[in-house]
Amino acid sequence: MDGWVSPKTGVKFHLQDGLLELFYPDGSRFETYLEVLERAAQEKARAIQASARAEQEAARANQAEARNVALEAEWMALRQRIGIK
């Protein structure tokens, strides 16, 4: 099977050190099951980090909005005290 190329798919089969490797027609190697699992775990970790950053940014935006509302209220009160419309 070593070096055999599927005539229908163009996938190449290569036996190295007792392990079977598969290659796409363009020569790039298929990922192993463990490589796929590792990549999925890394992508999940990145997604969790991105979600945490988004939550932090939303909290900062909410705090900024609350400060703006408070400042607007102070400004309106000050304008009324000094008689500016």
Protein backbone atom coordinates (compact mmCIF):
# COMPACT_ATOMS: atom_id res chain seq x y z
CA MET A 1 0.00 0.00 0.00
CA ASP A 2 3.00 2.29 0.48
CA GLY A 3 3.03 4.86 -2.29
CA TRP A 4 -0.31 3.80 -3.72
CA VAL A 5 -2.44 6.61 -5.16
CA SER A 6 -6.18 6.23 -5.44
CA PRO A 7 -7.17 6.70 -9.07
CA LYS A 8 -10.56 8.17 -8.11
CA THR A 9 -9.59 10.56 -5.32
CA GLY A 10 -5.91 11.16 -6.01
CA VAL A 11 -5.20 10.46 -2.33
CA LYS A 12 -1.74 9.02 -1.74
CA PHE A 13 -1.13 6.36 0.91
CA HIS A 14 2.27 6.27 2.59
CA LEU A 15 3.45 3.84 5.24
CA GLN A 16 6.15 5.27 7.49
CA ASP A 17 7.43 3.68 10.70
CA GLY A 18 4.37 1.45 10.81
CA LEU A 19 1.97 4.39 10.57
CA LEU A 20 -0.23 5.02 7.59
CA GLU A 21 -0.22 8.62 6.37
CA LEU A 22 -2.64 9.98 3.79
CA PHE A 23 -1.88 12.85 1.46
CA TYR A 24 -4.23 15.03 -0.56
CA PRO A 25 -3.67 15.25 -4.31
CA ASP A 26 -1.86 18.58 -3.73
CA GLY A 27 0.66 16.80 -1.46
CA SER A 28 -0.53 18.17 1.87
CA ARG A 29 -0.95 15.59 4.61
CA PHE A 30 -4.30 14.70 6.16
CA GLU A 31 -4.44 15.60 9.84
CA THR A 32 -4.41 12.76 12.32
CA TYR A 33 -7.32 12.30 14.70
CA LEU A 34 -5.18 13.64 17.57
CA GLU A 35 -4.19 16.70 15.52
CA VAL A 36 -7.86 17.40 14.78
CA LEU A 37 -8.72 17.07 18.49
CA GLU A 38 -5.85 19.37 19.48
CA ARG A 39 -6.85 22.00 16.92
CA ALA A 40 -10.47 21.82 18.09
CA ALA A 41 -9.37 22.30 21.71
CA GLN A 42 -7.24 25.30 20.73
CA GLU A 43 -10.11 26.85 18.76
CA LYS A 44 -12.46 26.30 21.70
CA ALA A 45 -9.98 27.98 24.06
CA ARG A 46 -9.65 30.93 21.66
CA ALA A 47 -13.44 31.21 21.45
CA ILE A 48 -13.75 31.21 25.23
CA GLN A 49 -11.10 33.94 25.49
CA ALA A 50 -12.82 36.00 22.80
CA SER A 51 -16.14 35.63 24.59
CA ALA A 52 -14.58 36.77 27.87
CA ARG A 53 -13.04 39.80 26.15
CA ALA A 54 -16.39 40.65 24.58
CA GLU A 55 -18.12 40.41 27.96
CA GLN A 56 -15.48 42.69 29.51
CA GLU A 57 -15.91 45.20 26.69
CA ALA A 58 -19.69 45.13 27.10
CA ALA A 59 -19.29 45.79 30.83
CA ARG A 60 -16.97 48.73 30.10
CA ALA A 61 -19.46 50.09 27.57
CA ASN A 62 -22.29 49.79 30.11
CA GLN A 63 -20.20 51.60 32.73
CA ALA A 64 -19.38 54.36 30.25
CA GLU A 65 -23.07 54.73 29.37
CA ALA A 66 -23.98 54.94 33.05
CA ARG A 67 -21.33 57.64 33.54
CA ASN A 68 -22.69 59.55 30.55
CA VAL A 69 -26.23 59.39 31.93
CA ALA A 70 -25.02 60.59 35.35
CA LEU A 71 -23.01 63.44 33.83
CA GLU A 72 -25.95 64.47 31.67
CA ALA A 73 -28.16 64.59 34.76
CA GLU A 74 -25.55 66.66 36.62
CA TRP A 75 -25.27 69.00 33.65
CA MET A 76 -29.03 69.46 33.45
CA ALA A 77 -29.21 70.15 37.22
CA LEU A 78 -26.37 72.66 36.99
CA ARG A 79 -28.03 74.42 34.05
CA GLN A 80 -31.27 74.72 36.01
CA ARG A 81 -29.45 76.10 39.06
CA ILE A 82 -27.73 78.82 37.07
CA GLY A 83 -30.72 79.48 34.86
CA ILE A 84 -29.46 78.26 31.47
CA LYS A 85 -32.00 76.63 29.24
